[in-house]
Amino acid sequence: MNIRIVSPSGAIDPEYIDLATQKLTSWGHRVVVGQNAKNHFGYFAGTANERTDDLNNAFADENTDIILCSRGGYGLQQIVDKVQIPHGCNKLVLGFSDITCLHLLLYKRNIPSLHSIMCKHISTLPENAEPILQLRKILSGEPVQYQLKTGTESRDGIAEGKIIGGNLSVFAGLIGTPYFPDFEENTILFLEDLCEPQYKIDRMLHQLRLAGVFSRIKGLIVGQFSDCDTREGFPTTITEHVASFTQPYSYPVWTDFPAGHVEDNRPLWFGKHCTVKIRNGIGNLKFE
């Protein structure tokens, strides 16, 4: 596969791009690095125009099969309305965290994308790490299927539909914009976050509740809320807190899914039909 690495958000240590390029090449892929991917402009990987140009060039390049975002951080919300996706585009975008913004844009265009590890973890995780093993399968065209233990706050049930979501802060921040899902089809919501205090998580969850999100989805997958501060005044853990917003409904809830800002960040297809089955503490996720 032809992979192009771009940096649409925060600046990255160029060494991670070089090491990821070496590893992907060793897997048999051809890798091109975007012109501005190693740039620094304050916190960002280049100016807004430079980051936009790299993304648009990647989408326009007929020889590019996969667009790998080098890292998240912050910055895509500045340029998402300037991203040009050609009609009939079938490129696969990889990334997570701030890349949630790009995933949502692609979801609105009915283009599947992959919530997955990026350059740092591609270059540093061992070859037998699950995120590496699963990513290699996907890049080879193999299907993804998980059978894993679920968290204690999970709820049994079956759901079919397409997963969307990602980083809670980015997802909630796009409510009211053209990039927020309309939930007109069967939707399974995935959420994760990093370094957010519980009161901010509570506020964002209520944003989703008041926007009618929890009443319109068919299932919820709760990923890892890493380094998030459980504050006094909240009688529950953050995972319990997130799951509590689904109490009025009967759809399945899968907590403690291994995805988010952790080393065991398993890839998840967004915008591709899947089936979720949870029973007696075991979750099954199968993508078609």
C-alpha atoms as a PDB file:
ATOM      1  CA  MET A   1       0.000   0.000   0.000  1.00  0.00           C
ATOM      2  CA  ASN A   2       1.070   3.599  -0.602  1.00  0.00           C
ATOM      3  CA  ILE A   3       1.045   5.520   2.691  1.00  0.00           C
ATOM      4  CA  ARG A   4       1.446   9.273   3.054  1.00  0.00           C
ATOM      5  CA  ILE A   5       2.251  10.724   6.479  1.00  0.00           C
ATOM      6  CA  VAL A   6       0.831  14.150   7.287  1.00  0.00           C
ATOM      7  CA  SER A   7       0.701  16.274  10.438  1.00  0.00           C
ATOM      8  CA  PRO A   8      -2.620  18.159  10.525  1.00  0.00           C
ATOM      9  CA  SER A   9      -2.528  19.033  14.228  1.00  0.00           C
ATOM     10  CA  GLY A  10       0.301  19.310  16.750  1.00  0.00           C
ATOM     11  CA  ALA A  11       4.003  19.258  15.947  1.00  0.00           C
ATOM     12  CA  ILE A  12       5.799  15.932  16.324  1.00  0.00           C
ATOM     13  CA  ASP A  13       9.369  14.896  16.981  1.00  0.00           C
ATOM     14  CA  PRO A  14      10.554  14.155  13.400  1.00  0.00           C
ATOM     15  CA  GLU A  15      12.322  11.040  14.653  1.00  0.00           C
ATOM     16  CA  TYR A  16       8.944   9.364  15.219  1.00  0.00           C
ATOM     17  CA  ILE A  17       8.047   9.976  11.578  1.00  0.00           C
ATOM     18  CA  ASP A  18      11.375   8.532  10.441  1.00  0.00           C
ATOM     19  CA  LEU A  19      11.059   5.457  12.675  1.00  0.00           C
ATOM     20  CA  ALA A  20       7.432   4.861  11.646  1.00  0.00           C
ATOM     21  CA  THR A  21       8.469   5.172   8.001  1.00  0.00           C
ATOM     22  CA  GLN A  22      11.142   2.518   8.536  1.00  0.00           C
ATOM     23  CA  LYS A  23       8.741   0.132  10.259  1.00  0.00           C
ATOM     24  CA  LEU A  24       5.948   0.558   7.705  1.00  0.00           C
ATOM     25  CA  THR A  25       8.463   0.048   4.918  1.00  0.00           C
ATOM     26  CA  SER A  26       9.653  -3.154   6.592  1.00  0.00           C
ATOM     27  CA  TRP A  27       6.027  -4.355   6.455  1.00  0.00           C
ATOM     28  CA  GLY A  28       6.120  -3.962   2.675  1.00  0.00           C
ATOM     29  CA  HIS A  29       4.429  -0.577   2.280  1.00  0.00           C
ATOM     30  CA  ARG A  30       5.663   2.430   0.333  1.00  0.00           C
ATOM     31  CA  VAL A  31       5.797   5.567   2.469  1.00  0.00           C
ATOM     32  CA  VAL A  32       5.891   9.225   1.466  1.00  0.00           C
ATOM     33  CA  VAL A  33       6.180  12.016   4.044  1.00  0.00           C
ATOM     34  CA  GLY A  34       4.134  15.149   3.443  1.00  0.00           C
ATOM     35  CA  GLN A  35       6.081  18.286   2.603  1.00  0.00           C
ATOM     36  CA  ASN A  36       5.177  20.004   5.878  1.00  0.00           C
ATOM     37  CA  ALA A  37       4.797  16.970   8.144  1.00  0.00           C
ATOM     38  CA  LYS A  38       7.933  17.750  10.173  1.00  0.00           C
ATOM     39  CA  ASN A  39       7.310  21.475  10.486  1.00  0.00           C
ATOM     40  CA  HIS A  40       6.989  23.419  13.736  1.00  0.00           C
ATOM     41  CA  PHE A  41       4.955  26.608  14.049  1.00  0.00           C
ATOM     42  CA  GLY A  42       4.706  27.189  17.760  1.00  0.00           C
ATOM     43  CA  TYR A  43       2.643  24.280  19.101  1.00  0.00           C
ATOM     44  CA  PHE A  44       1.458  23.299  15.621  1.00  0.00           C
ATOM     45  CA  ALA A  45       2.955  21.237  12.797  1.00  0.00           C
ATOM     46  CA  GLY A  46       3.112  24.213  10.502  1.00  0.00           C
ATOM     47  CA  THR A  47       0.793  27.092   9.775  1.00  0.00           C
ATOM     48  CA  ALA A  48      -2.880  26.445   9.149  1.00  0.00           C
ATOM     49  CA  ASN A  49      -2.271  26.811   5.414  1.00  0.00           C
ATOM     50  CA  GLU A  50       0.677  24.394   5.435  1.00  0.00           C
ATOM     51  CA  ARG A  51      -1.273  21.751   7.335  1.00  0.00           C
ATOM     52  CA  THR A  52      -4.290  22.210   5.059  1.00  0.00           C
ATOM     53  CA  ASP A  53      -2.138  21.926   1.933  1.00  0.00           C
ATOM     54  CA  ASP A  54      -0.592  18.668   3.122  1.00  0.00           C
ATOM     55  CA  LEU A  55      -3.994  17.125   3.842  1.00  0.00           C
ATOM     56  CA  ASN A  56      -5.513  18.298   0.571  1.00  0.00           C
ATOM     57  CA  ASN A  57      -2.496  17.102  -1.416  1.00  0.00           C
ATOM     58  CA  ALA A  58      -2.777  13.702   0.256  1.00  0.00           C
ATOM     59  CA  PHE A  59      -6.460  13.405  -0.615  1.00  0.00           C
ATOM     60  CA  ALA A  60      -5.828  14.559  -4.176  1.00  0.00           C
ATOM     61  CA  ASP A  61      -2.874  12.250  -4.831  1.00  0.00           C
ATOM     62  CA  GLU A  62      -4.072   9.288  -6.890  1.00  0.00           C
ATOM     63  CA  ASN A  63      -1.074   7.235  -5.753  1.00  0.00           C
ATOM     64  CA  THR A  64      -1.909   7.545  -2.041  1.00  0.00           C
ATOM     65  CA  ASP A  65      -3.968   4.701  -0.562  1.00  0.00           C
ATOM     66  CA  ILE A  66      -3.613   5.520   3.129  1.00  0.00           C
ATOM     67  CA  ILE A  67      -3.241   8.831   4.963  1.00  0.00           C
ATOM     68  CA  LEU A  68      -1.477   8.367   8.302  1.00  0.00           C
ATOM     69  CA  CYS A  69      -1.774  11.310  10.660  1.00  0.00           C
ATOM     70  CA  SER A  70       1.510  11.560  12.549  1.00  0.00           C
ATOM     71  CA  ARG A  71      -0.033  12.649  15.868  1.00  0.00           C
ATOM     72  CA  GLY A  72      -3.024  14.385  17.429  1.00  0.00           C
ATOM     73  CA  GLY A  73      -2.708  17.191  19.936  1.00  0.00           C
ATOM     74  CA  TYR A  74      -4.722  20.149  18.697  1.00  0.00           C
ATOM     75  CA  GLY A  75      -5.242  21.974  15.422  1.00  0.00           C
ATOM     76  CA  LEU A  76      -7.644  20.188  13.102  1.00  0.00           C
ATOM     77  CA  GLN A  77     -10.628  22.245  14.171  1.00  0.00           C
ATOM     78  CA  GLN A  78      -8.814  25.258  12.723  1.00  0.00           C
ATOM     79  CA  ILE A  79      -8.774  23.767   9.229  1.00  0.00           C
ATOM     80  CA  VAL A  80     -11.506  21.114   8.966  1.00  0.00           C
ATOM     81  CA  ASP A  81     -13.703  23.408   6.863  1.00  0.00           C
ATOM     82  CA  LYS A  82     -10.861  23.837   4.376  1.00  0.00           C
ATOM     83  CA  VAL A  83     -10.205  20.136   3.815  1.00  0.00           C
ATOM     84  CA  GLN A  84     -11.087  19.101   0.259  1.00  0.00           C
ATOM     85  CA  ILE A  85     -12.113  15.478  -0.212  1.00  0.00           C
ATOM     86  CA  PRO A  86     -12.594  14.478  -3.864  1.00  0.00           C
ATOM     87  CA  HIS A  87     -15.828  12.821  -4.916  1.00  0.00           C
ATOM     88  CA  GLY A  88     -15.546   9.055  -4.769  1.00  0.00           C
ATOM     89  CA  CYS A  89     -12.572   9.159  -2.405  1.00  0.00           C
ATOM     90  CA  ASN A  90     -11.737   5.774  -0.918  1.00  0.00           C
ATOM     91  CA  LYS A  91      -8.522   6.585   0.916  1.00  0.00           C
ATOM     92  CA  LEU A  92      -8.124   5.237   4.431  1.00  0.00           C
ATOM     93  CA  VAL A  93      -7.288   7.788   7.139  1.00  0.00           C
ATOM     94  CA  LEU A  94      -5.555   6.600  10.321  1.00  0.00           C
ATOM     95  CA  GLY A  95      -5.324   8.418  13.635  1.00  0.00           C
ATOM     96  CA  PHE A  96      -7.016   9.268  16.901  1.00  0.00           C
ATOM     97  CA  SER A  97      -7.342  12.004  19.557  1.00  0.00           C
ATOM     98  CA  ASP A  98      -7.556  15.351  17.698  1.00  0.00           C
ATOM     99  CA  ILE A  99      -7.950  13.353  14.476  1.00  0.00           C
ATOM    100  CA  THR A 100     -11.519  12.749  15.714  1.00  0.00           C
ATOM    101  CA  CYS A 101     -12.329  15.952  13.847  1.00  0.00           C
ATOM    102  CA  LEU A 102     -11.226  14.435  10.540  1.00  0.00           C
ATOM    103  CA  HIS A 103     -12.995  11.149  11.310  1.00  0.00           C
ATOM    104  CA  LEU A 104     -16.245  13.062  11.726  1.00  0.00           C
ATOM    105  CA  LEU A 105     -15.784  14.856   8.408  1.00  0.00           C
ATOM    106  CA  LEU A 106     -15.197  11.522   6.669  1.00  0.00           C
ATOM    107  CA  TYR A 107     -18.189   9.950   8.425  1.00  0.00           C
ATOM    108  CA  LYS A 108     -20.418  12.695   7.019  1.00  0.00           C
ATOM    109  CA  ARG A 109     -19.089  11.790   3.556  1.00  0.00           C
ATOM    110  CA  ASN A 110     -19.764   8.048   4.126  1.00  0.00           C
ATOM    111  CA  ILE A 111     -16.049   7.245   3.997  1.00  0.00           C
ATOM    112  CA  PRO A 112     -14.843   4.658   6.553  1.00  0.00           C
ATOM    113  CA  SER A 113     -11.763   5.580   8.579  1.00  0.00           C
ATOM    114  CA  LEU A 114      -9.669   3.985  11.300  1.00  0.00           C
ATOM    115  CA  HIS A 115      -9.280   5.106  14.903  1.00  0.00           C
ATOM    116  CA  SER A 116      -5.748   3.806  15.440  1.00  0.00           C
ATOM    117  CA  ILE A 117      -2.238   4.320  16.696  1.00  0.00           C
ATOM    118  CA  MET A 118      -0.057   6.887  14.959  1.00  0.00           C
ATOM    119  CA  CYS A 119       3.670   7.415  14.379  1.00  0.00           C
ATOM    120  CA  LYS A 120       4.929   7.336  17.978  1.00  0.00           C
ATOM    121  CA  HIS A 121       3.331   4.008  18.843  1.00  0.00           C
ATOM    122  CA  ILE A 122       3.932   2.506  15.410  1.00  0.00           C
ATOM    123  CA  SER A 123       7.633   3.214  15.889  1.00  0.00           C
ATOM    124  CA  THR A 124       7.982   2.258  19.581  1.00  0.00           C
ATOM    125  CA  LEU A 125       5.580  -0.615  20.298  1.00  0.00           C
ATOM    126  CA  PRO A 126       6.961  -4.152  19.937  1.00  0.00           C
ATOM    127  CA  GLU A 127       5.891  -6.198  16.930  1.00  0.00           C
ATOM    128  CA  ASN A 128       3.805  -8.512  19.134  1.00  0.00           C
ATOM    129  CA  ALA A 129       1.771  -5.695  20.709  1.00  0.00           C
ATOM    130  CA  GLU A 130      -1.933  -6.058  19.928  1.00  0.00           C
ATOM    131  CA  PRO A 131      -2.331  -2.600  18.326  1.00  0.00           C
ATOM    132  CA  ILE A 132       0.562  -3.422  15.978  1.00  0.00           C
ATOM    133  CA  LEU A 133      -0.740  -6.906  15.173  1.00  0.00           C
ATOM    134  CA  GLN A 134      -4.250  -5.616  14.475  1.00  0.00           C
ATOM    135  CA  LEU A 135      -3.042  -2.674  12.393  1.00  0.00           C
ATOM    136  CA  ARG A 136      -0.894  -4.965  10.261  1.00  0.00           C
ATOM    137  CA  LYS A 137      -3.920  -7.184   9.634  1.00  0.00           C
ATOM    138  CA  ILE A 138      -6.034  -4.232   8.581  1.00  0.00           C
ATOM    139  CA  LEU A 139      -3.354  -2.877   6.246  1.00  0.00           C
ATOM    140  CA  SER A 140      -3.215  -6.349   4.695  1.00  0.00           C
ATOM    141  CA  GLY A 141      -6.960  -6.300   4.082  1.00  0.00           C
ATOM    142  CA  GLU A 142      -7.889  -8.758   6.831  1.00  0.00           C
ATOM    143  CA  PRO A 143     -11.121  -8.330   8.843  1.00  0.00           C
ATOM    144  CA  VAL A 144     -11.129  -7.099  12.441  1.00  0.00           C
ATOM    145  CA  GLN A 145     -12.864  -9.024  15.197  1.00  0.00           C
ATOM    146  CA  TYR A 146     -12.512  -8.738  18.969  1.00  0.00           C
ATOM    147  CA  GLN A 147     -13.572 -11.009  21.798  1.00  0.00           C
ATOM    148  CA  LEU A 148     -12.619  -9.366  25.081  1.00  0.00           C
ATOM    149  CA  LYS A 149     -13.620  -9.053  28.704  1.00  0.00           C
ATOM    150  CA  THR A 150     -15.828  -6.054  29.356  1.00  0.00           C
ATOM    151  CA  GLY A 151     -15.770  -3.701  32.327  1.00  0.00           C
ATOM    152  CA  THR A 152     -18.020  -4.113  35.346  1.00  0.00           C
ATOM    153  CA  GLU A 153     -20.253  -1.219  34.251  1.00  0.00           C
ATOM    154  CA  SER A 154     -21.108  -2.943  30.952  1.00  0.00           C
ATOM    155  CA  ARG A 155     -24.627  -3.946  29.964  1.00  0.00           C
ATOM    156  CA  ASP A 156     -25.557  -7.026  27.954  1.00  0.00           C
ATOM    157  CA  GLY A 157     -27.192  -6.711  24.576  1.00  0.00           C
ATOM    158  CA  ILE A 158     -26.748  -6.709  20.822  1.00  0.00           C
ATOM    159  CA  ALA A 159     -26.332  -3.696  18.537  1.00  0.00           C
ATOM    160  CA  GLU A 160     -25.683  -3.313  14.831  1.00  0.00           C
ATOM    161  CA  GLY A 161     -24.613  -0.169  13.078  1.00  0.00           C
ATOM    162  CA  LYS A 162     -21.607   2.056  12.471  1.00  0.00           C
ATOM    163  CA  ILE A 163     -19.246   3.269  15.160  1.00  0.00           C
ATOM    164  CA  ILE A 164     -18.399   6.965  15.392  1.00  0.00           C
ATOM    165  CA  GLY A 165     -17.065   9.237  18.094  1.00  0.00           C
ATOM    166  CA  GLY A 166     -13.535   9.316  19.459  1.00  0.00           C
ATOM    167  CA  ASN A 167     -12.111  11.915  21.775  1.00  0.00           C
ATOM    168  CA  LEU A 168     -14.919  13.294  23.952  1.00  0.00           C
ATOM    169  CA  SER A 169     -13.527  16.838  24.084  1.00  0.00           C
ATOM    170  CA  VAL A 170     -13.227  17.097  20.303  1.00  0.00           C
ATOM    171  CA  PHE A 171     -16.549  15.324  19.700  1.00  0.00           C
ATOM    172  CA  ALA A 172     -18.539  17.529  22.078  1.00  0.00           C
ATOM    173  CA  GLY A 173     -16.826  20.622  20.719  1.00  0.00           C
ATOM    174  CA  LEU A 174     -18.351  20.008  17.285  1.00  0.00           C
ATOM    175  CA  ILE A 175     -21.987  19.944  18.420  1.00  0.00           C
ATOM    176  CA  GLY A 176     -23.946  22.407  16.293  1.00  0.00           C
ATOM    177  CA  THR A 177     -21.475  22.292  13.403  1.00  0.00           C
ATOM    178  CA  PRO A 178     -21.914  20.609  10.010  1.00  0.00           C
ATOM    179  CA  TYR A 179     -19.430  17.922  11.129  1.00  0.00           C
ATOM    180  CA  PHE A 180     -21.464  16.513  14.004  1.00  0.00           C
ATOM    181  CA  PRO A 181     -23.298  13.246  13.201  1.00  0.00           C
ATOM    182  CA  ASP A 182     -27.044  13.421  12.634  1.00  0.00           C
ATOM    183  CA  PHE A 183     -27.605   9.888  14.044  1.00  0.00           C
ATOM    184  CA  GLU A 184     -30.163   9.130  11.343  1.00  0.00           C
ATOM    185  CA  GLU A 185     -28.714   5.651  10.849  1.00  0.00           C
ATOM    186  CA  ASN A 186     -27.914   3.027  13.472  1.00  0.00           C
ATOM    187  CA  THR A 187     -24.987   4.517  15.358  1.00  0.00           C
ATOM    188  CA  ILE A 188     -22.774   3.078  18.073  1.00  0.00           C
ATOM    189  CA  LEU A 189     -20.935   5.779  20.012  1.00  0.00           C
ATOM    190  CA  PHE A 190     -17.301   5.395  21.123  1.00  0.00           C
ATOM    191  CA  LEU A 191     -15.772   7.813  23.634  1.00  0.00           C
ATOM    192  CA  GLU A 192     -12.335   8.275  25.237  1.00  0.00           C
ATOM    193  CA  ASP A 193     -10.331  11.168  26.646  1.00  0.00           C
ATOM    194  CA  LEU A 194      -7.102  12.289  28.272  1.00  0.00           C
ATOM    195  CA  CYS A 195      -6.199  14.579  31.197  1.00  0.00           C
ATOM    196  CA  GLU A 196      -9.664  16.034  31.736  1.00  0.00           C
ATOM    197  CA  PRO A 197     -11.026  16.681  35.254  1.00  0.00           C
ATOM    198  CA  GLN A 198     -14.281  14.976  36.061  1.00  0.00           C
ATOM    199  CA  TYR A 199     -16.330  18.164  36.181  1.00  0.00           C
ATOM    200  CA  LYS A 200     -15.347  18.950  32.589  1.00  0.00           C
ATOM    201  CA  ILE A 201     -16.186  15.405  31.514  1.00  0.00           C
ATOM    202  CA  ASP A 202     -19.547  15.792  33.257  1.00  0.00           C
ATOM    203  CA  ARG A 203     -20.204  19.056  31.421  1.00  0.00           C
ATOM    204  CA  MET A 204     -19.375  17.529  28.038  1.00  0.00           C
ATOM    205  CA  LEU A 205     -21.529  14.466  28.705  1.00  0.00           C
ATOM    206  CA  HIS A 206     -24.443  16.719  29.565  1.00  0.00           C
ATOM    207  CA  GLN A 207     -23.812  18.574  26.300  1.00  0.00           C
ATOM    208  CA  LEU A 208     -24.316  15.254  24.529  1.00  0.00           C
ATOM    209  CA  ARG A 209     -27.364  14.429  26.646  1.00  0.00           C
ATOM    210  CA  LEU A 210     -29.003  17.796  26.005  1.00  0.00           C
ATOM    211  CA  ALA A 211     -28.267  17.413  22.277  1.00  0.00           C
ATOM    212  CA  GLY A 212     -30.182  14.120  22.328  1.00  0.00           C
ATOM    213  CA  VAL A 213     -27.189  11.928  21.556  1.00  0.00           C
ATOM    214  CA  PHE A 214     -27.696   9.234  24.192  1.00  0.00           C
ATOM    215  CA  SER A 215     -31.337   8.814  23.235  1.00  0.00           C
ATOM    216  CA  ARG A 216     -30.523   8.265  19.558  1.00  0.00           C
ATOM    217  CA  ILE A 217     -27.623   5.807  19.600  1.00  0.00           C
ATOM    218  CA  LYS A 218     -27.908   1.999  19.494  1.00  0.00           C
ATOM    219  CA  GLY A 219     -24.945   1.226  21.746  1.00  0.00           C
ATOM    220  CA  LEU A 220     -22.074   2.795  23.672  1.00  0.00           C
ATOM    221  CA  ILE A 221     -18.413   1.753  23.811  1.00  0.00           C
ATOM    222  CA  VAL A 222     -16.442   3.448  26.582  1.00  0.00           C
ATOM    223  CA  GLY A 223     -12.707   3.484  25.962  1.00  0.00           C
ATOM    224  CA  GLN A 224      -9.936   4.644  28.262  1.00  0.00           C
ATOM    225  CA  PHE A 225     -10.164   7.931  30.150  1.00  0.00           C
ATOM    226  CA  SER A 226      -6.455   8.251  30.860  1.00  0.00           C
ATOM    227  CA  ASP A 227      -5.036  10.520  33.571  1.00  0.00           C
ATOM    228  CA  CYS A 228      -8.475  12.004  34.133  1.00  0.00           C
ATOM    229  CA  ASP A 229      -8.898  13.392  37.634  1.00  0.00           C
ATOM    230  CA  THR A 230     -11.734  11.906  39.723  1.00  0.00           C
ATOM    231  CA  ARG A 231     -12.778  14.871  41.850  1.00  0.00           C
ATOM    232  CA  GLU A 232     -14.361  15.000  45.271  1.00  0.00           C
ATOM    233  CA  GLY A 233     -18.066  15.675  44.949  1.00  0.00           C
ATOM    234  CA  PHE A 234     -18.523  13.018  42.294  1.00  0.00           C
ATOM    235  CA  PRO A 235     -19.476   9.747  44.005  1.00  0.00           C
ATOM    236  CA  THR A 236     -18.558   7.531  41.053  1.00  0.00           C
ATOM    237  CA  THR A 237     -15.522   6.716  38.942  1.00  0.00           C
ATOM    238  CA  ILE A 238     -15.299   8.354  35.543  1.00  0.00           C
ATOM    239  CA  THR A 239     -16.231   5.117  33.785  1.00  0.00           C
ATOM    240  CA  GLU A 240     -19.277   4.696  36.030  1.00  0.00           C
ATOM    241  CA  HIS A 241     -20.096   8.334  35.377  1.00  0.00           C
ATOM    242  CA  VAL A 242     -20.015   7.926  31.601  1.00  0.00           C
ATOM    243  CA  ALA A 243     -22.084   4.724  31.708  1.00  0.00           C
ATOM    244  CA  SER A 244     -24.689   6.363  33.956  1.00  0.00           C
ATOM    245  CA  PHE A 245     -25.876   8.558  31.078  1.00  0.00           C
ATOM    246  CA  THR A 246     -27.303   5.447  29.397  1.00  0.00           C
ATOM    247  CA  GLN A 247     -29.455   4.357  32.353  1.00  0.00           C
ATOM    248  CA  PRO A 248     -32.755   5.446  30.742  1.00  0.00           C
ATOM    249  CA  TYR A 249     -32.071   3.189  27.750  1.00  0.00           C
ATOM    250  CA  SER A 250     -31.666  -0.529  27.102  1.00  0.00           C
ATOM    251  CA  TYR A 251     -28.944  -0.708  24.452  1.00  0.00           C
ATOM    252  CA  PRO A 252     -25.644  -2.506  25.147  1.00  0.00           C
ATOM    253  CA  VAL A 253     -22.821  -0.703  26.933  1.00  0.00           C
ATOM    254  CA  TRP A 254     -19.211  -1.916  26.680  1.00  0.00           C
ATOM    255  CA  THR A 255     -16.902  -0.303  29.226  1.00  0.00           C
ATOM    256  CA  ASP A 256     -13.121  -0.512  29.566  1.00  0.00           C
ATOM    257  CA  PHE A 257     -12.578  -1.137  25.862  1.00  0.00           C
ATOM    258  CA  PRO A 258      -8.830  -1.031  25.100  1.00  0.00           C
ATOM    259  CA  ALA A 259      -8.709   2.094  22.966  1.00  0.00           C
ATOM    260  CA  GLY A 260      -7.676   5.654  23.680  1.00  0.00           C
ATOM    261  CA  HIS A 261      -4.573   7.352  25.024  1.00  0.00           C
ATOM    262  CA  VAL A 262      -2.952   4.116  26.152  1.00  0.00           C
ATOM    263  CA  GLU A 263      -0.360   1.814  24.649  1.00  0.00           C
ATOM    264  CA  ASP A 264      -2.984  -0.907  24.179  1.00  0.00           C
ATOM    265  CA  ASN A 265      -4.941   1.219  21.734  1.00  0.00           C
ATOM    266  CA  ARG A 266      -6.745  -1.291  19.513  1.00  0.00           C
ATOM    267  CA  PRO A 267      -7.895  -0.052  16.104  1.00  0.00           C
ATOM    268  CA  LEU A 268     -11.592   0.595  15.575  1.00  0.00           C
ATOM    269  CA  TRP A 269     -13.303   1.095  12.240  1.00  0.00           C
ATOM    270  CA  PHE A 270     -15.455   4.207  12.076  1.00  0.00           C
ATOM    271  CA  GLY A 271     -18.236   4.307   9.505  1.00  0.00           C
ATOM    272  CA  LYS A 272     -18.125   0.587   8.723  1.00  0.00           C
ATOM    273  CA  HIS A 273     -21.016  -1.711   9.625  1.00  0.00           C
ATOM    274  CA  CYS A 274     -20.396  -3.851  12.691  1.00  0.00           C
ATOM    275  CA  THR A 275     -22.126  -6.005  15.276  1.00  0.00           C
ATOM    276  CA  VAL A 276     -21.585  -5.657  19.013  1.00  0.00           C
ATOM    277  CA  LYS A 277     -22.635  -8.473  21.337  1.00  0.00           C
ATOM    278  CA  ILE A 278     -22.131  -8.349  25.102  1.00  0.00           C
ATOM    279  CA  ARG A 279     -23.045 -11.182  27.419  1.00  0.00           C
ATOM    280  CA  ASN A 280     -21.846 -12.266  30.852  1.00  0.00           C
ATOM    281  CA  GLY A 281     -18.782 -10.058  30.869  1.00  0.00           C
ATOM    282  CA  ILE A 282     -17.585 -10.915  27.352  1.00  0.00           C
ATOM    283  CA  GLY A 283     -17.840  -8.543  24.427  1.00  0.00           C
ATOM    284  CA  ASN A 284     -17.714  -9.480  20.777  1.00  0.00           C
ATOM    285  CA  LEU A 285     -17.158  -6.886  18.077  1.00  0.00           C
ATOM    286  CA  LYS A 286     -17.168  -7.886  14.430  1.00  0.00           C
ATOM    287  CA  PHE A 287     -16.801  -5.618  11.416  1.00  0.00           C
ATOM    288  CA  GLU A 288     -18.187  -6.536   8.008  1.00  0.00           C
END
